[in-house]
Amino acid sequence: SNNPILNTTEFVRERLILSPHIAGISPGSFKRGYK
């Protein structure tokens, strides 16, 4: 919760789009990896 990106001004927050490190998470990705 103390990460600087999460503790910035409203002006900056309105210009940020965050996702929780899920870009590579899909069943297809994992199946290819485990293969």
Full PDB file with SEQRES, HELIX, SHEET, SSBOND, CRYST1, ORIGX, SCALE, CONECT and MASTER records, all heavy atoms in Angstrom:
SEQRES   1 A   35  SER ASN ASN PRO ILE LEU ASN THR THR GLU PHE VAL ARG          
SEQRES   2 A   35  GLU ARG LEU ILE LEU SER PRO HIS ILE ALA GLY ILE SER          
SEQRES   3 A   35  PRO GLY SER PHE LYS ARG GLY TYR LYS                          
HELIX    1 AA1 PRO A    4  ASN A    7  5                                   4    
HELIX    2 AA2 GLU A   10  ARG A   13  1                                   4    
HELIX    3 AA3 PRO A   27  TYR A   34  1                                   8    
CRYST1    1.000    1.000    1.000  90.00  90.00  90.00 P 1           1          
ORIGX1      1.000000  0.000000  0.000000        0.00000                         
ORIGX2      0.000000  1.000000  0.000000        0.00000                         
ORIGX3      0.000000  0.000000  1.000000        0.00000                         
SCALE1      1.000000  0.000000  0.000000        0.00000                         
SCALE2      0.000000  1.000000  0.000000        0.00000                         
SCALE3      0.000000  0.000000  1.000000        0.00000                         
ATOM      1  N   SER A   1       0.810  -1.223   0.000  1.00  0.00           N  
ATOM      2  CA  SER A   1       0.000   0.000   0.000  1.00  0.00           C  
ATOM      3  C   SER A   1       0.840   1.269   0.000  1.00  0.00           C  
ATOM      4  O   SER A   1       0.348   2.345  -0.344  1.00  0.00           O  
ATOM      5  CB  SER A   1      -0.930   0.013   1.220  1.00  0.00           C  
ATOM      6  OG  SER A   1      -0.180  -0.056   2.424  1.00  0.00           O  
ATOM      7  N   ASN A   2       2.129   1.164   0.349  1.00  0.00           N  
ATOM      8  CA  ASN A   2       2.994   2.353   0.362  1.00  0.00           C  
ATOM      9  C   ASN A   2       3.734   2.557  -0.956  1.00  0.00           C  
ATOM     10  O   ASN A   2       4.617   3.410  -1.046  1.00  0.00           O  
ATOM     11  CB  ASN A   2       3.994   2.283   1.520  1.00  0.00           C  
ATOM     12  CG  ASN A   2       4.952   1.091   1.395  1.00  0.00           C  
ATOM     13  OD1 ASN A   2       4.773   0.224   0.544  1.00  0.00           O  
ATOM     14  ND2 ASN A   2       5.953   1.051   2.260  1.00  0.00           N  
ATOM     15  N   ASN A   3       3.410   1.777  -1.978  1.00  0.00           N  
ATOM     16  CA  ASN A   3       4.051   1.944  -3.278  1.00  0.00           C  
ATOM     17  C   ASN A   3       3.801   3.365  -3.796  1.00  0.00           C  
ATOM     18  O   ASN A   3       2.672   3.864  -3.715  1.00  0.00           O  
ATOM     19  CB  ASN A   3       3.481   0.919  -4.268  1.00  0.00           C  
ATOM     20  CG  ASN A   3       4.237   0.887  -5.585  1.00  0.00           C  
ATOM     21  OD1 ASN A   3       4.150   1.816  -6.385  1.00  0.00           O  
ATOM     22  ND2 ASN A   3       4.968  -0.187  -5.818  1.00  0.00           N  
ATOM     23  N   PRO A   4       4.820   4.048  -4.330  1.00  0.00           N  
ATOM     24  CA  PRO A   4       4.634   5.442  -4.763  1.00  0.00           C  
ATOM     25  C   PRO A   4       3.556   5.611  -5.824  1.00  0.00           C  
ATOM     26  O   PRO A   4       2.867   6.646  -5.862  1.00  0.00           O  
ATOM     27  CB  PRO A   4       6.017   5.834  -5.307  1.00  0.00           C  
ATOM     28  CG  PRO A   4       6.759   4.554  -5.497  1.00  0.00           C  
ATOM     29  CD  PRO A   4       6.210   3.606  -4.491  1.00  0.00           C  
ATOM     30  N   ILE A   5       3.380   4.619  -6.687  1.00  0.00           N  
ATOM     31  CA  ILE A   5       2.352   4.721  -7.721  1.00  0.00           C  
ATOM     32  C   ILE A   5       0.956   4.767  -7.102  1.00  0.00           C  
ATOM     33  O   ILE A   5       0.041   5.405  -7.632  1.00  0.00           O  
ATOM     34  CB  ILE A   5       2.455   3.530  -8.706  1.00  0.00           C  
ATOM     35  CG1 ILE A   5       3.738   3.634  -9.534  1.00  0.00           C  
ATOM     36  CG2 ILE A   5       1.240   3.462  -9.626  1.00  0.00           C  
ATOM     37  CD1 ILE A   5       3.759   4.765 -10.551  1.00  0.00           C  
ATOM     38  N   LEU A   6       0.780   4.125  -5.961  1.00  0.00           N  
ATOM     39  CA  LEU A   6      -0.517   4.084  -5.298  1.00  0.00           C  
ATOM     40  C   LEU A   6      -0.739   5.274  -4.376  1.00  0.00           C  
ATOM     41  O   LEU A   6      -1.829   5.424  -3.814  1.00  0.00           O  
ATOM     42  CB  LEU A   6      -0.659   2.790  -4.491  1.00  0.00           C  
ATOM     43  CG  LEU A   6      -0.438   1.477  -5.239  1.00  0.00           C  
ATOM     44  CD1 LEU A   6      -0.710   0.292  -4.324  1.00  0.00           C  
ATOM     45  CD2 LEU A   6      -1.291   1.401  -6.494  1.00  0.00           C  
ATOM     46  N   ASN A   7       0.264   6.106  -4.218  1.00  0.00           N  
ATOM     47  CA  ASN A   7       0.176   7.221  -3.267  1.00  0.00           C  
ATOM     48  C   ASN A   7       0.467   8.560  -3.925  1.00  0.00           C  
ATOM     49  O   ASN A   7       0.990   9.472  -3.293  1.00  0.00           O  
ATOM     50  CB  ASN A   7       1.151   6.985  -2.108  1.00  0.00           C  
ATOM     51  CG  ASN A   7       0.693   5.857  -1.207  1.00  0.00           C  
ATOM     52  OD1 ASN A   7      -0.124   6.047  -0.322  1.00  0.00           O  
ATOM     53  ND2 ASN A   7       1.204   4.657  -1.457  1.00  0.00           N  
ATOM     54  N   THR A   8       0.095   8.672  -5.174  1.00  0.00           N  
ATOM     55  CA  THR A   8       0.352   9.900  -5.894  1.00  0.00           C  
ATOM     56  C   THR A   8      -0.892  10.792  -5.895  1.00  0.00           C  
ATOM     57  O   THR A   8      -1.902  10.478  -5.253  1.00  0.00           O  
ATOM     58  CB  THR A   8       0.811   9.588  -7.332  1.00  0.00           C  
ATOM     59  OG1 THR A   8       1.191  10.798  -7.980  1.00  0.00           O  
ATOM     60  CG2 THR A   8      -0.285   8.893  -8.129  1.00  0.00           C  
ATOM     61  N   THR A   9      -0.844  11.876  -6.625  1.00  0.00           N  
ATOM     62  CA  THR A   9      -1.940  12.839  -6.623  1.00  0.00           C  
ATOM     63  C   THR A   9      -3.109  12.354  -7.472  1.00  0.00           C  
ATOM     64  O   THR A   9      -2.972  11.452  -8.315  1.00  0.00           O  
ATOM     65  CB  THR A   9      -1.457  14.185  -7.189  1.00  0.00           C  
ATOM     66  OG1 THR A   9      -1.081  13.994  -8.565  1.00  0.00           O  
ATOM     67  CG2 THR A   9      -0.265  14.709  -6.406  1.00  0.00           C  
ATOM     68  N   GLU A  10      -4.259  12.966  -7.268  1.00  0.00           N  
ATOM     69  CA  GLU A  10      -5.438  12.622  -8.071  1.00  0.00           C  
ATOM     70  C   GLU A  10      -5.176  12.890  -9.551  1.00  0.00           C  
ATOM     71  O   GLU A  10      -5.610  12.127 -10.415  1.00  0.00           O  
ATOM     72  CB  GLU A  10      -6.647  13.428  -7.593  1.00  0.00           C  
ATOM     73  CG  GLU A  10      -7.926  13.079  -8.340  1.00  0.00           C  
ATOM     74  CD  GLU A  10      -9.133  13.848  -7.830  1.00  0.00           C  
ATOM     75  OE1 GLU A  10      -8.979  14.615  -6.856  1.00  0.00           O  
ATOM     76  OE2 GLU A  10     -10.220  13.686  -8.408  1.00  0.00           O  
ATOM     77  N   PHE A  11      -4.457  13.962  -9.853  1.00  0.00           N  
ATOM     78  CA  PHE A  11      -4.119  14.298 -11.241  1.00  0.00           C  
ATOM     79  C   PHE A  11      -3.389  13.139 -11.911  1.00  0.00           C  
ATOM     80  O   PHE A  11      -3.699  12.752 -13.045  1.00  0.00           O  
ATOM     81  CB  PHE A  11      -3.233  15.554 -11.279  1.00  0.00           C  
ATOM     82  CG  PHE A  11      -2.783  15.949 -12.656  1.00  0.00           C  
ATOM     83  CD1 PHE A  11      -3.555  16.775 -13.447  1.00  0.00           C  
ATOM     84  CD2 PHE A  11      -1.573  15.485 -13.159  1.00  0.00           C  
ATOM     85  CE1 PHE A  11      -3.140  17.146 -14.735  1.00  0.00           C  
ATOM     86  CE2 PHE A  11      -1.134  15.836 -14.434  1.00  0.00           C  
ATOM     87  CZ  PHE A  11      -1.925  16.670 -15.221  1.00  0.00           C  
ATOM     88  N   VAL A  12      -2.439  12.557 -11.214  1.00  0.00           N  
ATOM     89  CA  VAL A  12      -1.666  11.445 -11.783  1.00  0.00           C  
ATOM     90  C   VAL A  12      -2.520  10.185 -11.849  1.00  0.00           C  
ATOM     91  O   VAL A  12      -2.515   9.467 -12.860  1.00  0.00           O  
ATOM     92  CB  VAL A  12      -0.387  11.205 -10.967  1.00  0.00           C  
ATOM     93  CG1 VAL A  12       0.334   9.939 -11.449  1.00  0.00           C  
ATOM     94  CG2 VAL A  12       0.546  12.413 -11.062  1.00  0.00           C  
ATOM     95  N   ARG A  13      -3.274   9.914 -10.805  1.00  0.00           N  
ATOM     96  CA  ARG A  13      -4.099   8.695 -10.777  1.00  0.00           C  
ATOM     97  C   ARG A  13      -5.097   8.671 -11.934  1.00  0.00           C  
ATOM     98  O   ARG A  13      -5.395   7.597 -12.471  1.00  0.00           O  
ATOM     99  CB  ARG A  13      -4.841   8.575  -9.441  1.00  0.00           C  
ATOM    100  CG  ARG A  13      -3.949   8.179  -8.273  1.00  0.00           C  
ATOM    101  CD  ARG A  13      -4.773   7.623  -7.122  1.00  0.00           C  
ATOM    102  NE  ARG A  13      -5.766   8.576  -6.653  1.00  0.00           N  
ATOM    103  CZ  ARG A  13      -5.544   9.492  -5.711  1.00  0.00           C  
ATOM    104  NH1 ARG A  13      -4.344   9.563  -5.145  1.00  0.00           N  
ATOM    105  NH2 ARG A  13      -6.498  10.310  -5.330  1.00  0.00           N  
ATOM    106  N   GLU A  14      -5.622   9.811 -12.301  1.00  0.00           N  
ATOM    107  CA  GLU A  14      -6.576   9.865 -13.411  1.00  0.00           C  
ATOM    108  C   GLU A  14      -5.932   9.531 -14.749  1.00  0.00           C  
ATOM    109  O   GLU A  14      -6.632   9.309 -15.738  1.00  0.00           O  
ATOM    110  CB  GLU A  14      -7.205  11.263 -13.491  1.00  0.00           C  
ATOM    111  CG  GLU A  14      -8.197  11.542 -12.364  1.00  0.00           C  
ATOM    112  CD  GLU A  14      -8.746  12.955 -12.436  1.00  0.00           C  
ATOM    113  OE1 GLU A  14      -8.214  13.772 -13.225  1.00  0.00           O  
ATOM    114  OE2 GLU A  14      -9.715  13.240 -11.710  1.00  0.00           O  
ATOM    115  N   ARG A  15      -4.622   9.501 -14.770  1.00  0.00           N  
ATOM    116  CA  ARG A  15      -3.885   9.214 -16.008  1.00  0.00           C  
ATOM    117  C   ARG A  15      -3.152   7.878 -15.962  1.00  0.00           C  
ATOM    118  O   ARG A  15      -2.283   7.619 -16.780  1.00  0.00           O  
ATOM    119  CB  ARG A  15      -2.922  10.378 -16.295  1.00  0.00           C  
ATOM    120  CG  ARG A  15      -3.671  11.628 -16.743  1.00  0.00           C  
ATOM    121  CD  ARG A  15      -2.946  12.927 -16.430  1.00  0.00           C  
ATOM    122  NE  ARG A  15      -3.734  14.064 -16.894  1.00  0.00           N  
ATOM    123  CZ  ARG A  15      -4.741  14.607 -16.214  1.00  0.00           C  
ATOM    124  NH1 ARG A  15      -5.084  14.110 -15.016  1.00  0.00           N  
ATOM    125  NH2 ARG A  15      -5.428  15.618 -16.709  1.00  0.00           N  
ATOM    126  N   LEU A  16      -3.520   7.067 -14.981  1.00  0.00           N  
ATOM    127  CA  LEU A  16      -2.928   5.746 -14.825  1.00  0.00           C  
ATOM    128  C   LEU A  16      -3.995   4.662 -14.961  1.00  0.00           C  
ATOM    129  O   LEU A  16      -5.089   4.786 -14.408  1.00  0.00           O  
ATOM    130  CB  LEU A  16      -2.288   5.604 -13.436  1.00  0.00           C  
ATOM    131  CG  LEU A  16      -0.956   6.310 -13.191  1.00  0.00           C  
ATOM    132  CD1 LEU A  16      -0.627   6.281 -11.706  1.00  0.00           C  
ATOM    133  CD2 LEU A  16       0.162   5.644 -13.989  1.00  0.00           C  
ATOM    134  N   ILE A  17      -3.673   3.625 -15.687  1.00  0.00           N  
ATOM    135  CA  ILE A  17      -4.515   2.428 -15.738  1.00  0.00           C  
ATOM    136  C   ILE A  17      -3.648   1.262 -15.277  1.00  0.00           C  
ATOM    137  O   ILE A  17      -2.595   0.987 -15.866  1.00  0.00           O  
ATOM    138  CB  ILE A  17      -5.062   2.171 -17.149  1.00  0.00           C  
ATOM    139  CG1 ILE A  17      -5.958   3.339 -17.589  1.00  0.00           C  
ATOM    140  CG2 ILE A  17      -5.823   0.849 -17.196  1.00  0.00           C  
ATOM    141  CD1 ILE A  17      -6.481   3.215 -18.995  1.00  0.00           C  
ATOM    142  N   LEU A  18      -4.082   0.596 -14.213  1.00  0.00           N  
ATOM    143  CA  LEU A  18      -3.294  -0.476 -13.611  1.00  0.00           C  
ATOM    144  C   LEU A  18      -4.037  -1.810 -13.715  1.00  0.00           C  
ATOM    145  O   LEU A  18      -5.260  -1.861 -13.598  1.00  0.00           O  
ATOM    146  CB  LEU A  18      -3.022  -0.179 -12.127  1.00  0.00           C  
ATOM    147  CG  LEU A  18      -2.410   1.172 -11.781  1.00  0.00           C  
ATOM    148  CD1 LEU A  18      -2.221   1.279 -10.263  1.00  0.00           C  
ATOM    149  CD2 LEU A  18      -1.094   1.383 -12.492  1.00  0.00           C  
ATOM    150  N   SER A  19      -3.278  -2.867 -13.917  1.00  0.00           N  
ATOM    151  CA  SER A  19      -3.813  -4.227 -13.794  1.00  0.00           C  
ATOM    152  C   SER A  19      -2.811  -5.042 -12.987  1.00  0.00           C  
ATOM    153  O   SER A  19      -1.632  -4.701 -12.920  1.00  0.00           O  
ATOM    154  CB  SER A  19      -4.083  -4.854 -15.171  1.00  0.00           C  
ATOM    155  OG  SER A  19      -2.919  -4.855 -15.984  1.00  0.00           O  
ATOM    156  N   PRO A  20      -3.259  -6.125 -12.349  1.00  0.00           N  
ATOM    157  CA  PRO A  20      -2.445  -6.796 -11.310  1.00  0.00           C  
ATOM    158  C   PRO A  20      -1.487  -7.861 -11.835  1.00  0.00           C  
ATOM    159  O   PRO A  20      -1.400  -8.954 -11.291  1.00  0.00           O  
ATOM    160  CB  PRO A  20      -3.507  -7.400 -10.392  1.00  0.00           C  
ATOM    161  CG  PRO A  20      -4.635  -7.725 -11.325  1.00  0.00           C  
ATOM    162  CD  PRO A  20      -4.644  -6.618 -12.340  1.00  0.00           C  
ATOM    163  N   HIS A  21      -0.728  -7.520 -12.860  1.00  0.00           N  
ATOM    164  CA  HIS A  21       0.264  -8.430 -13.458  1.00  0.00           C  
ATOM    165  C   HIS A  21      -0.419  -9.715 -13.944  1.00  0.00           C  
ATOM    166  O   HIS A  21      -0.042 -10.831 -13.592  1.00  0.00           O  
ATOM    167  CB  HIS A  21       1.372  -8.763 -12.465  1.00  0.00           C  
ATOM    168  CG  HIS A  21       2.659  -9.141 -13.144  1.00  0.00           C  
ATOM    169  ND1 HIS A  21       3.871  -9.191 -12.505  1.00  0.00           N  
ATOM    170  CD2 HIS A  21       2.920  -9.499 -14.432  1.00  0.00           C  
ATOM    171  CE1 HIS A  21       4.816  -9.552 -13.348  1.00  0.00           C  
ATOM    172  NE2 HIS A  21       4.262  -9.743 -14.531  1.00  0.00           N  
ATOM    173  N   ILE A  22      -1.412  -9.518 -14.825  1.00  0.00           N  
ATOM    174  CA  ILE A  22      -2.191 -10.653 -15.331  1.00  0.00           C  
ATOM    175  C   ILE A  22      -2.090 -10.788 -16.848  1.00  0.00           C  
ATOM    176  O   ILE A  22      -2.772 -11.637 -17.432  1.00  0.00           O  
ATOM    177  CB  ILE A  22      -3.681 -10.509 -14.953  1.00  0.00           C  
ATOM    178  CG1 ILE A  22      -4.242  -9.170 -15.459  1.00  0.00           C  
ATOM    179  CG2 ILE A  22      -3.865 -10.653 -13.447  1.00  0.00           C  
ATOM    180  CD1 ILE A  22      -5.739  -9.084 -15.436  1.00  0.00           C  
ATOM    181  N   ALA A  23      -1.245  -9.993 -17.484  1.00  0.00           N  
ATOM    182  CA  ALA A  23      -1.210  -9.989 -18.947  1.00  0.00           C  
ATOM    183  C   ALA A  23      -0.934 -11.371 -19.514  1.00  0.00           C  
ATOM    184  O   ALA A  23      -1.500 -11.757 -20.543  1.00  0.00           O  
ATOM    185  CB  ALA A  23      -0.157  -8.998 -19.447  1.00  0.00           C  
ATOM    186  N   GLY A  24      -0.065 -12.122 -18.871  1.00  0.00           N  
ATOM    187  CA  GLY A  24       0.316 -13.427 -19.396  1.00  0.00           C  
ATOM    188  C   GLY A  24      -0.484 -14.581 -18.830  1.00  0.00           C  
ATOM    189  O   GLY A  24      -0.197 -15.742 -19.132  1.00  0.00           O  
ATOM    190  N   ILE A  25      -1.488 -14.278 -18.016  1.00  0.00           N  
ATOM    191  CA  ILE A  25      -2.229 -15.346 -17.338  1.00  0.00           C  
ATOM    192  C   ILE A  25      -3.443 -15.741 -18.167  1.00  0.00           C  
ATOM    193  O   ILE A  25      -4.425 -15.003 -18.268  1.00  0.00           O  
ATOM    194  CB  ILE A  25      -2.671 -14.895 -15.935  1.00  0.00           C  
ATOM    195  CG1 ILE A  25      -1.441 -14.674 -15.046  1.00  0.00           C  
ATOM    196  CG2 ILE A  25      -3.600 -15.927 -15.301  1.00  0.00           C  
ATOM    197  CD1 ILE A  25      -1.766 -14.182 -13.656  1.00  0.00           C  
ATOM    198  N   SER A  26      -3.342 -16.898 -18.772  1.00  0.00           N  
ATOM    199  CA  SER A  26      -4.462 -17.495 -19.492  1.00  0.00           C  
ATOM    200  C   SER A  26      -4.241 -19.001 -19.498  1.00  0.00           C  
ATOM    201  O   SER A  26      -3.100 -19.463 -19.415  1.00  0.00           O  
ATOM    202  CB  SER A  26      -4.547 -16.968 -20.925  1.00  0.00           C  
ATOM    203  OG  SER A  26      -3.467 -17.453 -21.704  1.00  0.00           O  
ATOM    204  N   PRO A  27      -5.321 -19.796 -19.584  1.00  0.00           N  
ATOM    205  CA  PRO A  27      -5.130 -21.251 -19.660  1.00  0.00           C  
ATOM    206  C   PRO A  27      -4.219 -21.652 -20.817  1.00  0.00           C  
ATOM    207  O   PRO A  27      -3.396 -22.562 -20.675  1.00  0.00           O  
ATOM    208  CB  PRO A  27      -6.562 -21.771 -19.854  1.00  0.00           C  
ATOM    209  CG  PRO A  27      -7.424 -20.741 -19.221  1.00  0.00           C  
ATOM    210  CD  PRO A  27      -6.748 -19.433 -19.517  1.00  0.00           C  
ATOM    211  N   GLY A  28      -4.341 -20.956 -21.939  1.00  0.00           N  
ATOM    212  CA  GLY A  28      -3.498 -21.271 -23.090  1.00  0.00           C  
ATOM    213  C   GLY A  28      -2.032 -21.060 -22.795  1.00  0.00           C  
ATOM    214  O   GLY A  28      -1.184 -21.888 -23.167  1.00  0.00           O  
ATOM    215  N   SER A  29      -1.706 -19.964 -22.107  1.00  0.00           N  
ATOM    216  CA  SER A  29      -0.312 -19.684 -21.764  1.00  0.00           C  
ATOM    217  C   SER A  29       0.261 -20.775 -20.867  1.00  0.00           C  
ATOM    218  O   SER A  29       1.356 -21.287 -21.100  1.00  0.00           O  
ATOM    219  CB  SER A  29      -0.198 -18.330 -21.050  1.00  0.00           C  
ATOM    220  OG  SER A  29      -0.480 -17.266 -21.926  1.00  0.00           O  
ATOM    221  N   PHE A  30      -0.490 -21.129 -19.815  1.00  0.00           N  
ATOM    222  CA  PHE A  30       0.015 -22.135 -18.882  1.00  0.00           C  
ATOM    223  C   PHE A  30       0.149 -23.507 -19.534  1.00  0.00           C  
ATOM    224  O   PHE A  30       1.113 -24.232 -19.284  1.00  0.00           O  
ATOM    225  CB  PHE A  30      -0.890 -22.213 -17.648  1.00  0.00           C  
ATOM    226  CG  PHE A  30      -0.647 -21.120 -16.654  1.00  0.00           C  
ATOM    227  CD1 PHE A  30      -1.631 -20.198 -16.346  1.00  0.00           C  
ATOM    228  CD2 PHE A  30       0.580 -21.008 -16.028  1.00  0.00           C  
ATOM    229  CE1 PHE A  30      -1.410 -19.185 -15.433  1.00  0.00           C  
ATOM    230  CE2 PHE A  30       0.821 -19.989 -15.103  1.00  0.00           C  
ATOM    231  CZ  PHE A  30      -0.173 -19.076 -14.814  1.00  0.00           C  
ATOM    232  N   LYS A  31      -0.802 -23.870 -20.364  1.00  0.00           N  
ATOM    233  CA  LYS A  31      -0.720 -25.175 -21.027  1.00  0.00           C  
ATOM    234  C   LYS A  31       0.487 -25.239 -21.953  1.00  0.00           C  
ATOM    235  O   LYS A  31       1.182 -26.261 -22.012  1.00  0.00           O  
ATOM    236  CB  LYS A  31      -2.016 -25.452 -21.789  1.00  0.00           C  
ATOM    237  CG  LYS A  31      -3.172 -25.814 -20.864  1.00  0.00           C  
ATOM    238  CD  LYS A  31      -4.452 -26.092 -21.626  1.00  0.00           C  
ATOM    239  CE  LYS A  31      -5.578 -26.466 -20.658  1.00  0.00           C  
ATOM    240  NZ  LYS A  31      -6.857 -26.723 -21.358  1.00  0.00           N  
ATOM    241  N   ARG A  32       0.751 -24.145 -22.664  1.00  0.00           N  
ATOM    242  CA  ARG A  32       1.954 -24.116 -23.509  1.00  0.00           C  
ATOM    243  C   ARG A  32       3.212 -24.218 -22.650  1.00  0.00           C  
ATOM    244  O   ARG A  32       4.166 -24.916 -22.996  1.00  0.00           O  
ATOM    245  CB  ARG A  32       1.974 -22.835 -24.348  1.00  0.00           C  
ATOM    246  CG  ARG A  32       0.992 -22.822 -25.511  1.00  0.00           C  
ATOM    247  CD  ARG A  32       1.197 -21.614 -26.410  1.00  0.00           C  
ATOM    248  NE  ARG A  32       0.788 -20.366 -25.775  1.00  0.00           N  
ATOM    249  CZ  ARG A  32      -0.448 -19.866 -25.836  1.00  0.00           C  
ATOM    250  NH1 ARG A  32      -1.404 -20.517 -26.484  1.00  0.00           N  
ATOM    251  NH2 ARG A  32      -0.741 -18.731 -25.239  1.00  0.00           N  
ATOM    252  N   GLY A  33       3.208 -23.510 -21.516  1.00  0.00           N  
ATOM    253  CA  GLY A  33       4.377 -23.532 -20.642  1.00  0.00           C  
ATOM    254  C   GLY A  33       4.630 -24.901 -20.048  1.00  0.00           C  
ATOM    255  O   GLY A  33       5.770 -25.393 -20.044  1.00  0.00           O  
ATOM    256  N   TYR A  34       3.583 -25.545 -19.547  1.00  0.00           N  
ATOM    257  CA  TYR A  34       3.773 -26.860 -18.929  1.00  0.00           C  
ATOM    258  C   TYR A  34       4.123 -27.924 -19.959  1.00  0.00           C  
ATOM    259  O   TYR A  34       4.824 -28.886 -19.644  1.00  0.00           O  
ATOM    260  CB  TYR A  34       2.532 -27.253 -18.132  1.00  0.00           C  
ATOM    261  CG  TYR A  34       2.356 -26.415 -16.888  1.00  0.00           C  
ATOM    262  CD1 TYR A  34       1.136 -25.853 -16.557  1.00  0.00           C  
ATOM    263  CD2 TYR A  34       3.439 -26.165 -16.043  1.00  0.00           C  
ATOM    264  CE1 TYR A  34       0.980 -25.069 -15.428  1.00  0.00           C  
ATOM    265  CE2 TYR A  34       3.294 -25.387 -14.910  1.00  0.00           C  
ATOM    266  CZ  TYR A  34       2.062 -24.836 -14.606  1.00  0.00           C  
ATOM    267  OH  TYR A  34       1.934 -24.064 -13.495  1.00  0.00           O  
ATOM    268  N   LYS A  35       3.646 -27.756 -21.183  1.00  0.00           N  
ATOM    269  CA  LYS A  35       4.051 -28.677 -22.247  1.00  0.00           C  
ATOM    270  C   LYS A  35       5.562 -28.601 -22.460  1.00  0.00           C  
ATOM    271  O   LYS A  35       6.245 -29.621 -22.618  1.00  0.00           O  
ATOM    272  CB  LYS A  35       3.309 -28.341 -23.540  1.00  0.00           C  
ATOM    273  CG  LYS A  35       3.594 -29.301 -24.682  1.00  0.00           C  
ATOM    274  CD  LYS A  35       2.767 -28.950 -25.915  1.00  0.00           C  
ATOM    275  CE  LYS A  35       3.061 -29.920 -27.058  1.00  0.00           C  
ATOM    276  NZ  LYS A  35       2.253 -29.586 -28.263  1.00  0.00           N  
TER     277      LYS A  35                                                      
MASTER        0    0    0    3    0    0    0    6  276    1    0    3          
END                                                                             
